[in-house]
PDB file of all heavy atoms in Angstrom:
ATOM      1  N   SER A   1       0.849  -1.191   0.000  1.00  0.00           N
ATOM      2  CA  SER A   1       0.000   0.000   0.000  1.00  0.00           C
ATOM      3  C   SER A   1       0.885   1.241   0.000  1.00  0.00           C
ATOM      4  O   SER A   1       2.090   1.157   0.285  1.00  0.00           O
ATOM      5  CB  SER A   1      -0.895   0.005   1.244  1.00  0.00           C
ATOM      6  OG  SER A   1      -1.749  -1.117   1.255  1.00  0.00           O
ATOM      7  N   PRO A   2       0.336   2.407  -0.308  1.00  0.00           N
ATOM      8  CA  PRO A   2       1.130   3.634  -0.277  1.00  0.00           C
ATOM      9  C   PRO A   2       1.816   3.833   1.074  1.00  0.00           C
ATOM     10  O   PRO A   2       1.207   3.605   2.129  1.00  0.00           O
ATOM     11  CB  PRO A   2       0.093   4.726  -0.541  1.00  0.00           C
ATOM     12  CG  PRO A   2      -0.958   4.041  -1.341  1.00  0.00           C
ATOM     13  CD  PRO A   2      -1.037   2.652  -0.801  1.00  0.00           C
ATOM     14  N   ASP A   3       3.092   4.191   1.022  1.00  0.00           N
ATOM     15  CA  ASP A   3       3.932   4.432   2.203  1.00  0.00           C
ATOM     16  C   ASP A   3       4.245   3.171   3.011  1.00  0.00           C
ATOM     17  O   ASP A   3       4.885   3.258   4.064  1.00  0.00           O
ATOM     18  CB  ASP A   3       3.303   5.478   3.137  1.00  0.00           C
ATOM     19  CG  ASP A   3       3.312   6.867   2.524  1.00  0.00           C
ATOM     20  OD1 ASP A   3       4.286   7.173   1.806  1.00  0.00           O
ATOM     21  OD2 ASP A   3       2.351   7.615   2.749  1.00  0.00           O
ATOM     22  N   GLU A   4       3.825   2.008   2.536  1.00  0.00           N
ATOM     23  CA  GLU A   4       4.108   0.764   3.259  1.00  0.00           C
ATOM     24  C   GLU A   4       5.509   0.260   2.910  1.00  0.00           C
ATOM     25  O   GLU A   4       5.957   0.336   1.769  1.00  0.00           O
ATOM     26  CB  GLU A   4       3.075  -0.308   2.923  1.00  0.00           C
ATOM     27  CG  GLU A   4       3.249  -1.594   3.732  1.00  0.00           C
ATOM     28  CD  GLU A   4       2.212  -2.661   3.386  1.00  0.00           C
ATOM     29  OE1 GLU A   4       1.387  -2.416   2.482  1.00  0.00           O
ATOM     30  OE2 GLU A   4       2.252  -3.737   4.009  1.00  0.00           O
ATOM     31  N   THR A   5       6.191  -0.270   3.924  1.00  0.00           N
ATOM     32  CA  THR A   5       7.528  -0.832   3.761  1.00  0.00           C
ATOM     33  C   THR A   5       7.523  -2.284   4.211  1.00  0.00           C
ATOM     34  O   THR A   5       6.828  -2.649   5.165  1.00  0.00           O
ATOM     35  CB  THR A   5       8.565  -0.049   4.599  1.00  0.00           C
ATOM     36  OG1 THR A   5       8.577   1.314   4.181  1.00  0.00           O
ATOM     37  CG2 THR A   5       9.962  -0.631   4.435  1.00  0.00           C
ATOM     38  N   THR A   6       8.293  -3.114   3.519  1.00  0.00           N
ATOM     39  CA  THR A   6       8.440  -4.506   3.953  1.00  0.00           C
ATOM     40  C   THR A   6       9.868  -4.948   3.709  1.00  0.00           C
ATOM     41  O   THR A   6      10.616  -4.317   2.945  1.00  0.00           O
ATOM     42  CB  THR A   6       7.454  -5.439   3.212  1.00  0.00           C
ATOM     43  OG1 THR A   6       7.438  -6.713   3.846  1.00  0.00           O
ATOM     44  CG2 THR A   6       7.848  -5.628   1.750  1.00  0.00           C
ATOM     45  N   SER A   7      10.241  -6.020   4.363  1.00  0.00           N
ATOM     46  CA  SER A   7      11.570  -6.594   4.193  1.00  0.00           C
ATOM     47  C   SER A   7      11.434  -7.924   3.466  1.00  0.00           C
ATOM     48  O   SER A   7      10.611  -8.769   3.841  1.00  0.00           O
ATOM     49  CB  SER A   7      12.236  -6.798   5.557  1.00  0.00           C
ATOM     50  OG  SER A   7      13.526  -7.349   5.408  1.00  0.00           O
ATOM     51  N   LEU A   8      12.214  -8.094   2.427  1.00  0.00           N
ATOM     52  CA  LEU A   8      12.209  -9.331   1.658  1.00  0.00           C
ATOM     53  C   LEU A   8      13.478 -10.115   1.954  1.00  0.00           C
ATOM     54  O   LEU A   8      14.559  -9.539   2.079  1.00  0.00           O
ATOM     55  CB  LEU A   8      12.132  -9.039   0.157  1.00  0.00           C
ATOM     56  CG  LEU A   8      10.957  -8.202  -0.339  1.00  0.00           C
ATOM     57  CD1 LEU A   8      11.078  -7.966  -1.837  1.00  0.00           C
ATOM     58  CD2 LEU A   8       9.628  -8.867  -0.009  1.00  0.00           C
ATOM     59  N   SER A   9      13.339 -11.427   2.039  1.00  0.00           N
ATOM     60  CA  SER A   9      14.478 -12.285   2.338  1.00  0.00           C
ATOM     61  C   SER A   9      14.684 -13.307   1.229  1.00  0.00           C
ATOM     62  O   SER A   9      13.721 -13.840   0.671  1.00  0.00           O
ATOM     63  CB  SER A   9      14.265 -13.022   3.668  1.00  0.00           C
ATOM     64  OG  SER A   9      14.146 -12.102   4.732  1.00  0.00           O
ATOM     65  N   PHE A  10      15.936 -13.573   0.926  1.00  0.00           N
ATOM     66  CA  PHE A  10      16.303 -14.587  -0.061  1.00  0.00           C
ATOM     67  C   PHE A  10      17.426 -15.441   0.529  1.00  0.00           C
ATOM     68  O   PHE A  10      18.203 -14.979   1.368  1.00  0.00           O
ATOM     69  CB  PHE A  10      16.811 -13.937  -1.357  1.00  0.00           C
ATOM     70  CG  PHE A  10      15.851 -12.981  -1.991  1.00  0.00           C
ATOM     71  CD1 PHE A  10      15.904 -11.617  -1.693  1.00  0.00           C
ATOM     72  CD2 PHE A  10      14.890 -13.415  -2.886  1.00  0.00           C
ATOM     73  CE1 PHE A  10      15.031 -10.718  -2.287  1.00  0.00           C
ATOM     74  CE2 PHE A  10      14.012 -12.522  -3.492  1.00  0.00           C
ATOM     75  CZ  PHE A  10      14.079 -11.177  -3.189  1.00  0.00           C
ATOM     76  N   LYS A  11      17.514 -16.661   0.047  1.00  0.00           N
ATOM     77  CA  LYS A  11      18.590 -17.543   0.477  1.00  0.00           C
ATOM     78  C   LYS A  11      19.211 -18.199  -0.746  1.00  0.00           C
ATOM     79  O   LYS A  11      18.508 -18.742  -1.602  1.00  0.00           O
ATOM     80  CB  LYS A  11      18.080 -18.605   1.445  1.00  0.00           C
ATOM     81  CG  LYS A  11      19.168 -19.522   2.004  1.00  0.00           C
ATOM     82  CD  LYS A  11      18.579 -20.539   2.975  1.00  0.00           C
ATOM     83  CE  LYS A  11      18.128 -19.864   4.260  1.00  0.00           C
ATOM     84  NZ  LYS A  11      17.680 -20.858   5.275  1.00  0.00           N
ATOM     85  N   LEU A  12      20.532 -18.133  -0.830  1.00  0.00           N
ATOM     86  CA  LEU A  12      21.265 -18.778  -1.912  1.00  0.00           C
ATOM     87  C   LEU A  12      22.195 -19.830  -1.329  1.00  0.00           C
ATOM     88  O   LEU A  12      22.871 -19.584  -0.325  1.00  0.00           O
ATOM     89  CB  LEU A  12      22.095 -17.765  -2.705  1.00  0.00           C
ATOM     90  CG  LEU A  12      21.354 -16.665  -3.470  1.00  0.00           C
ATOM     91  CD1 LEU A  12      22.357 -15.742  -4.151  1.00  0.00           C
ATOM     92  CD2 LEU A  12      20.400 -17.254  -4.487  1.00  0.00           C
ATOM     93  N   THR A  13      22.224 -21.009  -1.947  1.00  0.00           N
ATOM     94  CA  THR A  13      23.172 -22.034  -1.560  1.00  0.00           C
ATOM     95  C   THR A  13      24.460 -21.841  -2.359  1.00  0.00           C
ATOM     96  O   THR A  13      24.501 -21.083  -3.335  1.00  0.00           O
ATOM     97  CB  THR A  13      22.617 -23.431  -1.839  1.00  0.00           C
ATOM     98  OG1 THR A  13      22.483 -23.612  -3.264  1.00  0.00           O
ATOM     99  CG2 THR A  13      21.249 -23.603  -1.184  1.00  0.00           C
ATOM    100  N   SER A  14      25.491 -22.546  -1.975  1.00  0.00           N
ATOM    101  CA  SER A  14      26.741 -22.449  -2.731  1.00  0.00           C
ATOM    102  C   SER A  14      26.546 -22.961  -4.154  1.00  0.00           C
ATOM    103  O   SER A  14      27.185 -22.471  -5.088  1.00  0.00           O
ATOM    104  CB  SER A  14      27.855 -23.234  -2.033  1.00  0.00           C
ATOM    105  OG  SER A  14      27.502 -24.595  -1.889  1.00  0.00           O
ATOM    106  N   ASP A  15      25.626 -23.915  -4.336  1.00  0.00           N
ATOM    107  CA  ASP A  15      25.361 -24.420  -5.676  1.00  0.00           C
ATOM    108  C   ASP A  15      24.752 -23.337  -6.559  1.00  0.00           C
ATOM    109  O   ASP A  15      24.994 -23.298  -7.766  1.00  0.00           O
ATOM    110  CB  ASP A  15      24.425 -25.626  -5.611  1.00  0.00           C
ATOM    111  CG  ASP A  15      24.385 -26.404  -6.914  1.00  0.00           C
ATOM    112  OD1 ASP A  15      25.441 -26.901  -7.343  1.00  0.00           O
ATOM    113  OD2 ASP A  15      23.298 -26.491  -7.517  1.00  0.00           O
ATOM    114  N   ASP A  16      23.964 -22.454  -5.959  1.00  0.00           N
ATOM    115  CA  ASP A  16      23.365 -21.348  -6.717  1.00  0.00           C
ATOM    116  C   ASP A  16      24.419 -20.388  -7.254  1.00  0.00           C
ATOM    117  O   ASP A  16      24.176 -19.670  -8.229  1.00  0.00           O
ATOM    118  CB  ASP A  16      22.394 -20.549  -5.840  1.00  0.00           C
ATOM    119  CG  ASP A  16      21.141 -21.329  -5.483  1.00  0.00           C
ATOM    120  OD1 ASP A  16      20.629 -22.052  -6.355  1.00  0.00           O
ATOM    121  OD2 ASP A  16      20.682 -21.210  -4.331  1.00  0.00           O
ATOM    122  N   LEU A  17      25.567 -20.362  -6.624  1.00  0.00           N
ATOM    123  CA  LEU A  17      26.612 -19.409  -6.999  1.00  0.00           C
ATOM    124  C   LEU A  17      27.647 -20.004  -7.945  1.00  0.00           C
ATOM    125  O   LEU A  17      28.580 -19.309  -8.363  1.00  0.00           O
ATOM    126  CB  LEU A  17      27.304 -18.879  -5.741  1.00  0.00           C
ATOM    127  CG  LEU A  17      26.392 -18.120  -4.762  1.00  0.00           C
ATOM    128  CD1 LEU A  17      27.167 -17.696  -3.535  1.00  0.00           C
ATOM    129  CD2 LEU A  17      25.755 -16.912  -5.423  1.00  0.00           C
ATOM    130  N   LYS A  18      27.493 -21.267  -8.290  1.00  0.00           N
ATOM    131  CA  LYS A  18      28.432 -21.894  -9.212  1.00  0.00           C
ATOM    132  C   LYS A  18      28.166 -21.446 -10.646  1.00  0.00           C
ATOM    133  O   LYS A  18      27.044 -21.110 -11.016  1.00  0.00           O
ATOM    134  CB  LYS A  18      28.338 -23.415  -9.120  1.00  0.00           C
ATOM    135  CG  LYS A  18      28.883 -23.976  -7.818  1.00  0.00           C
ATOM    136  CD  LYS A  18      28.766 -25.495  -7.782  1.00  0.00           C
ATOM    137  CE  LYS A  18      29.341 -26.052  -6.479  1.00  0.00           C
ATOM    138  NZ  LYS A  18      29.203 -27.532  -6.419  1.00  0.00           N
ATOM    139  N   LEU A  19      29.204 -21.468 -11.456  1.00  0.00           N
ATOM    140  CA  LEU A  19      29.117 -21.114 -12.870  1.00  0.00           C
ATOM    141  C   LEU A  19      29.437 -22.342 -13.718  1.00  0.00           C
ATOM    142  O   LEU A  19      30.020 -23.310 -13.241  1.00  0.00           O
ATOM    143  CB  LEU A  19      30.094 -19.989 -13.199  1.00  0.00           C
ATOM    144  CG  LEU A  19      29.912 -18.677 -12.425  1.00  0.00           C
ATOM    145  CD1 LEU A  19      31.034 -17.704 -12.796  1.00  0.00           C
ATOM    146  CD2 LEU A  19      28.552 -18.053 -12.697  1.00  0.00           C
ATOM    147  N   PHE A  20      29.061 -22.289 -14.979  1.00  0.00           N
ATOM    148  CA  PHE A  20      29.322 -23.397 -15.890  1.00  0.00           C
ATOM    149  C   PHE A  20      30.608 -23.135 -16.671  1.00  0.00           C
ATOM    150  O   PHE A  20      30.797 -22.052 -17.231  1.00  0.00           O
ATOM    151  CB  PHE A  20      28.161 -23.574 -16.863  1.00  0.00           C
ATOM    152  CG  PHE A  20      26.936 -24.171 -16.231  1.00  0.00           C
ATOM    153  CD1 PHE A  20      25.988 -23.368 -15.620  1.00  0.00           C
ATOM    154  CD2 PHE A  20      26.727 -25.544 -16.243  1.00  0.00           C
ATOM    155  CE1 PHE A  20      24.856 -23.912 -15.038  1.00  0.00           C
ATOM    156  CE2 PHE A  20      25.607 -26.098 -15.665  1.00  0.00           C
ATOM    157  CZ  PHE A  20      24.665 -25.280 -15.051  1.00  0.00           C
ATOM    158  N   ASP A  21      31.464 -24.169 -16.728  1.00  0.00           N
ATOM    159  CA  ASP A  21      32.675 -24.033 -17.526  1.00  0.00           C
ATOM    160  C   ASP A  21      32.417 -24.502 -18.963  1.00  0.00           C
ATOM    161  O   ASP A  21      31.283 -24.846 -19.318  1.00  0.00           O
ATOM    162  CB  ASP A  21      33.847 -24.789 -16.893  1.00  0.00           C
ATOM    163  CG  ASP A  21      33.628 -26.304 -16.853  1.00  0.00           C
ATOM    164  OD1 ASP A  21      32.710 -26.807 -17.533  1.00  0.00           O
ATOM    165  OD2 ASP A  21      34.390 -26.987 -16.140  1.00  0.00           O
ATOM    166  N   LYS A  22      33.448 -24.542 -19.776  1.00  0.00           N
ATOM    167  CA  LYS A  22      33.278 -24.887 -21.188  1.00  0.00           C
ATOM    168  C   LYS A  22      32.806 -26.320 -21.397  1.00  0.00           C
ATOM    169  O   LYS A  22      32.218 -26.650 -22.429  1.00  0.00           O
ATOM    170  CB  LYS A  22      34.589 -24.664 -21.938  1.00  0.00           C
ATOM    171  CG  LYS A  22      34.962 -23.201 -22.111  1.00  0.00           C
ATOM    172  CD  LYS A  22      36.235 -23.040 -22.928  1.00  0.00           C
ATOM    173  CE  LYS A  22      36.566 -21.573 -23.141  1.00  0.00           C
ATOM    174  NZ  LYS A  22      37.804 -21.397 -23.953  1.00  0.00           N
ATOM    175  N   GLU A  23      33.066 -27.186 -20.424  1.00  0.00           N
ATOM    176  CA  GLU A  23      32.641 -28.579 -20.532  1.00  0.00           C
ATOM    177  C   GLU A  23      31.236 -28.802 -19.996  1.00  0.00           C
ATOM    178  O   GLU A  23      30.753 -29.933 -19.943  1.00  0.00           O
ATOM    179  CB  GLU A  23      33.628 -29.482 -19.775  1.00  0.00           C
ATOM    180  CG  GLU A  23      34.960 -29.695 -20.492  1.00  0.00           C
ATOM    181  CD  GLU A  23      35.829 -28.453 -20.477  1.00  0.00           C
ATOM    182  OE1 GLU A  23      35.940 -27.820 -19.405  1.00  0.00           O
ATOM    183  OE2 GLU A  23      36.362 -28.090 -21.551  1.00  0.00           O
ATOM    184  N   GLY A  24      30.593 -27.726 -19.567  1.00  0.00           N
ATOM    185  CA  GLY A  24      29.242 -27.855 -19.049  1.00  0.00           C
ATOM    186  C   GLY A  24      29.174 -28.281 -17.596  1.00  0.00           C
ATOM    187  O   GLY A  24      28.103 -28.659 -17.108  1.00  0.00           O
ATOM    188  N   LYS A  25      30.282 -28.208 -16.892  1.00  0.00           N
ATOM    189  CA  LYS A  25      30.312 -28.592 -15.481  1.00  0.00           C
ATOM    190  C   LYS A  25      30.101 -27.359 -14.601  1.00  0.00           C
ATOM    191  O   LYS A  25      30.642 -26.282 -14.885  1.00  0.00           O
ATOM    192  CB  LYS A  25      31.653 -29.244 -15.134  1.00  0.00           C
ATOM    193  CG  LYS A  25      32.014 -30.443 -15.997  1.00  0.00           C
ATOM    194  CD  LYS A  25      31.066 -31.604 -15.790  1.00  0.00           C
ATOM    195  CE  LYS A  25      31.509 -32.824 -16.588  1.00  0.00           C
ATOM    196  NZ  LYS A  25      30.548 -33.939 -16.470  1.00  0.00           N
ATOM    197  N   LYS A  26      29.332 -27.537 -13.539  1.00  0.00           N
ATOM    198  CA  LYS A  26      29.145 -26.449 -12.580  1.00  0.00           C
ATOM    199  C   LYS A  26      30.348 -26.425 -11.647  1.00  0.00           C
ATOM    200  O   LYS A  26      30.658 -27.433 -11.004  1.00  0.00           O
ATOM    201  CB  LYS A  26      27.857 -26.647 -11.779  1.00  0.00           C
ATOM    202  CG  LYS A  26      26.597 -26.467 -12.593  1.00  0.00           C
ATOM    203  CD  LYS A  26      25.336 -26.580 -11.739  1.00  0.00           C
ATOM    204  CE  LYS A  26      25.070 -25.320 -10.965  1.00  0.00           C
ATOM    205  NZ  LYS A  26      23.739 -25.330 -10.298  1.00  0.00           N
ATOM    206  N   ILE A  27      30.993 -25.288 -11.602  1.00  0.00           N
ATOM    207  CA  ILE A  27      32.195 -25.198 -10.774  1.00  0.00           C
ATOM    208  C   ILE A  27      32.115 -23.990  -9.840  1.00  0.00           C
ATOM    209  O   ILE A  27      31.422 -23.015 -10.109  1.00  0.00           O
ATOM    210  CB  ILE A  27      33.479 -25.104 -11.638  1.00  0.00           C
ATOM    211  CG1 ILE A  27      33.481 -23.805 -12.454  1.00  0.00           C
ATOM    212  CG2 ILE A  27      33.614 -26.308 -12.561  1.00  0.00           C
ATOM    213  CD1 ILE A  27      34.823 -23.505 -13.098  1.00  0.00           C
ATOM    214  N   TRP A  28      32.826 -24.116  -8.749  1.00  0.00           N
ATOM    215  CA  TRP A  28      32.965 -23.018  -7.793  1.00  0.00           C
ATOM    216  C   TRP A  28      34.100 -22.132  -8.285  1.00  0.00           C
ATOM    217  O   TRP A  28      35.271 -22.473  -8.180  1.00  0.00           O
ATOM    218  CB  TRP A  28      33.265 -23.590  -6.414  1.00  0.00           C
ATOM    219  CG  TRP A  28      33.400 -22.593  -5.312  1.00  0.00           C
ATOM    220  CD1 TRP A  28      34.557 -22.121  -4.774  1.00  0.00           C
ATOM    221  CD2 TRP A  28      32.342 -21.962  -4.598  1.00  0.00           C
ATOM    222  NE1 TRP A  28      34.292 -21.224  -3.762  1.00  0.00           N
ATOM    223  CE2 TRP A  28      32.938 -21.109  -3.620  1.00  0.00           C
ATOM    224  CE3 TRP A  28      30.952 -22.013  -4.666  1.00  0.00           C
ATOM    225  CZ2 TRP A  28      32.190 -20.339  -2.750  1.00  0.00           C
ATOM    226  CZ3 TRP A  28      30.207 -21.252  -3.788  1.00  0.00           C
ATOM    227  CH2 TRP A  28      30.817 -20.420  -2.849  1.00  0.00           C
TER     228      TRP A  28
END
């Protein structure tokens, strides 16, 4: 609503932060 404030929370695991290399493997 107008002037209303809320706090949002998120959770990321270490797996969520991994990237894919050229071989398609998820790596840290």
